[in-house]
Amino acid sequence: MSADAHTMDEVLAALADSRRRLIVRTLRDSDDDVLTVDELEGKITSKGEAVENTMGDQERVDVDLYHVHLPKLAEAGLVAFDTRNREVRY
């Protein structure tokens, strides 16, 4: 497998998830160059993401973004994710 094929596989795997596609669209369409995880969470939940407004559900979305979705997108080279500052760049 060539390096290009591996990269394409990573990109396709990252975009296979509907929430990750929503994250990429949200970042692409944002007027800001950089969003914090909290700002990104607010933008995706306002776009109809099915999440209740309870603290537990908001925390779950935050944890999923921080530990699952953003690292997967960063690994595929689709976003830059600074875990120290909790900032994301498309």
C-alpha atoms as a PDB file:
ATOM      1  CA  MET A   1       0.000   0.000   0.000  1.00  0.00           C
ATOM      2  CA  SER A   2       1.415   3.375  -0.968  1.00  0.00           C
ATOM      3  CA  ALA A   3       1.534   6.348   1.397  1.00  0.00           C
ATOM      4  CA  ASP A   4      -1.117   8.107  -0.709  1.00  0.00           C
ATOM      5  CA  ALA A   5      -3.503   5.144  -0.463  1.00  0.00           C
ATOM      6  CA  HIS A   6      -3.037   5.014   3.296  1.00  0.00           C
ATOM      7  CA  THR A   7      -3.802   8.713   3.575  1.00  0.00           C
ATOM      8  CA  MET A   8      -6.903   8.324   1.391  1.00  0.00           C
ATOM      9  CA  ASP A   9      -8.067   5.434   3.593  1.00  0.00           C
ATOM     10  CA  GLU A  10      -7.615   7.592   6.705  1.00  0.00           C
ATOM     11  CA  VAL A  11      -9.564  10.464   5.132  1.00  0.00           C
ATOM     12  CA  LEU A  12     -12.407   8.189   4.043  1.00  0.00           C
ATOM     13  CA  ALA A  13     -12.524   6.473   7.434  1.00  0.00           C
ATOM     14  CA  ALA A  14     -12.585   9.842   9.200  1.00  0.00           C
ATOM     15  CA  LEU A  15     -15.403  11.129   6.992  1.00  0.00           C
ATOM     16  CA  ALA A  16     -17.455   7.935   7.276  1.00  0.00           C
ATOM     17  CA  ASP A  17     -18.975   9.252  10.503  1.00  0.00           C
ATOM     18  CA  SER A  18     -21.812  11.773  10.079  1.00  0.00           C
ATOM     19  CA  ARG A  19     -20.778  13.828  13.131  1.00  0.00           C
ATOM     20  CA  ARG A  20     -17.245  14.201  11.757  1.00  0.00           C
ATOM     21  CA  ARG A  21     -18.653  15.351   8.407  1.00  0.00           C
ATOM     22  CA  LEU A  22     -20.726  17.923  10.317  1.00  0.00           C
ATOM     23  CA  ILE A  23     -17.611  19.073  12.185  1.00  0.00           C
ATOM     24  CA  VAL A  24     -15.687  19.555   8.932  1.00  0.00           C
ATOM     25  CA  ARG A  25     -18.588  21.434   7.299  1.00  0.00           C
ATOM     26  CA  THR A  26     -18.969  23.634  10.373  1.00  0.00           C
ATOM     27  CA  LEU A  27     -15.268  24.499  10.458  1.00  0.00           C
ATOM     28  CA  ARG A  28     -15.182  25.081   6.702  1.00  0.00           C
ATOM     29  CA  ASP A  29     -18.181  27.418   6.828  1.00  0.00           C
ATOM     30  CA  SER A  30     -17.056  29.302   9.954  1.00  0.00           C
ATOM     31  CA  ASP A  31     -15.948  32.915   9.674  1.00  0.00           C
ATOM     32  CA  ASP A  32     -13.335  32.243  12.357  1.00  0.00           C
ATOM     33  CA  ASP A  33      -9.931  30.741  11.554  1.00  0.00           C
ATOM     34  CA  VAL A  34      -9.800  28.927  14.885  1.00  0.00           C
ATOM     35  CA  LEU A  35     -12.593  27.635  17.106  1.00  0.00           C
ATOM     36  CA  THR A  36     -12.350  26.294  20.616  1.00  0.00           C
ATOM     37  CA  VAL A  37     -13.886  22.899  21.311  1.00  0.00           C
ATOM     38  CA  ASP A  38     -16.650  24.694  23.243  1.00  0.00           C
ATOM     39  CA  GLU A  39     -17.408  27.033  20.320  1.00  0.00           C
ATOM     40  CA  LEU A  40     -17.430  24.117  17.893  1.00  0.00           C
ATOM     41  CA  GLU A  41     -19.735  22.160  20.204  1.00  0.00           C
ATOM     42  CA  GLY A  42     -22.139  25.128  20.308  1.00  0.00           C
ATOM     43  CA  LYS A  43     -22.126  25.467  16.521  1.00  0.00           C
ATOM     44  CA  ILE A  44     -22.767  21.792  15.793  1.00  0.00           C
ATOM     45  CA  THR A  45     -25.518  21.481  18.395  1.00  0.00           C
ATOM     46  CA  SER A  46     -27.215  24.588  16.965  1.00  0.00           C
ATOM     47  CA  LYS A  47     -27.199  22.917  13.533  1.00  0.00           C
ATOM     48  CA  GLY A  48     -29.651  20.301  14.729  1.00  0.00           C
ATOM     49  CA  GLU A  49     -27.342  17.795  16.343  1.00  0.00           C
ATOM     50  CA  ALA A  50     -29.645  15.649  18.461  1.00  0.00           C
ATOM     51  CA  VAL A  51     -28.373  16.503  21.932  1.00  0.00           C
ATOM     52  CA  GLU A  52     -30.422  17.389  24.956  1.00  0.00           C
ATOM     53  CA  ASN A  53     -29.555  20.533  26.865  1.00  0.00           C
ATOM     54  CA  THR A  54     -28.612  18.717  30.039  1.00  0.00           C
ATOM     55  CA  MET A  55     -25.160  19.007  31.538  1.00  0.00           C
ATOM     56  CA  GLY A  56     -24.516  15.260  31.123  1.00  0.00           C
ATOM     57  CA  ASP A  57     -25.343  15.325  27.409  1.00  0.00           C
ATOM     58  CA  GLN A  58     -23.240  18.445  26.797  1.00  0.00           C
ATOM     59  CA  GLU A  59     -20.358  16.836  28.640  1.00  0.00           C
ATOM     60  CA  ARG A  60     -20.734  13.681  26.521  1.00  0.00           C
ATOM     61  CA  VAL A  61     -20.582  15.722  23.304  1.00  0.00           C
ATOM     62  CA  ASP A  62     -17.504  17.555  24.603  1.00  0.00           C
ATOM     63  CA  VAL A  63     -15.784  14.291  25.532  1.00  0.00           C
ATOM     64  CA  ASP A  64     -16.663  12.719  22.167  1.00  0.00           C
ATOM     65  CA  LEU A  65     -15.337  15.749  20.282  1.00  0.00           C
ATOM     66  CA  TYR A  66     -12.138  15.980  22.310  1.00  0.00           C
ATOM     67  CA  HIS A  67     -11.258  12.290  22.587  1.00  0.00           C
ATOM     68  CA  VAL A  68     -12.790  10.701  19.482  1.00  0.00           C
ATOM     69  CA  HIS A  69     -13.831  12.919  16.603  1.00  0.00           C
ATOM     70  CA  LEU A  70     -11.221  15.692  16.571  1.00  0.00           C
ATOM     71  CA  PRO A  71      -8.232  13.332  17.006  1.00  0.00           C
ATOM     72  CA  LYS A  72      -9.547  11.151  14.165  1.00  0.00           C
ATOM     73  CA  LEU A  73      -9.935  14.197  11.885  1.00  0.00           C
ATOM     74  CA  ALA A  74      -6.486  15.484  12.878  1.00  0.00           C
ATOM     75  CA  GLU A  75      -4.938  12.068  12.217  1.00  0.00           C
ATOM     76  CA  ALA A  76      -6.387  12.169   8.695  1.00  0.00           C
ATOM     77  CA  GLY A  77      -5.000  15.681   8.168  1.00  0.00           C
ATOM     78  CA  LEU A  78      -8.417  17.320   7.858  1.00  0.00           C
ATOM     79  CA  VAL A  79      -8.088  19.618  10.878  1.00  0.00           C
ATOM     80  CA  ALA A  80      -5.373  20.911  13.172  1.00  0.00           C
ATOM     81  CA  PHE A  81      -6.281  20.182  16.782  1.00  0.00           C
ATOM     82  CA  ASP A  82      -4.336  21.783  19.642  1.00  0.00           C
ATOM     83  CA  THR A  83      -5.243  19.701  22.690  1.00  0.00           C
ATOM     84  CA  ARG A  84      -3.432  22.033  25.074  1.00  0.00           C
ATOM     85  CA  ASN A  85      -5.487  25.094  24.079  1.00  0.00           C
ATOM     86  CA  ARG A  86      -8.547  23.055  22.995  1.00  0.00           C
ATOM     87  CA  GLU A  87      -8.514  24.867  19.622  1.00  0.00           C
ATOM     88  CA  VAL A  88      -9.424  23.508  16.203  1.00  0.00           C
ATOM     89  CA  ARG A  89      -8.473  24.862  12.784  1.00  0.00           C
ATOM     90  CA  TYR A  90      -9.844  23.641   9.430  1.00  0.00           C
END
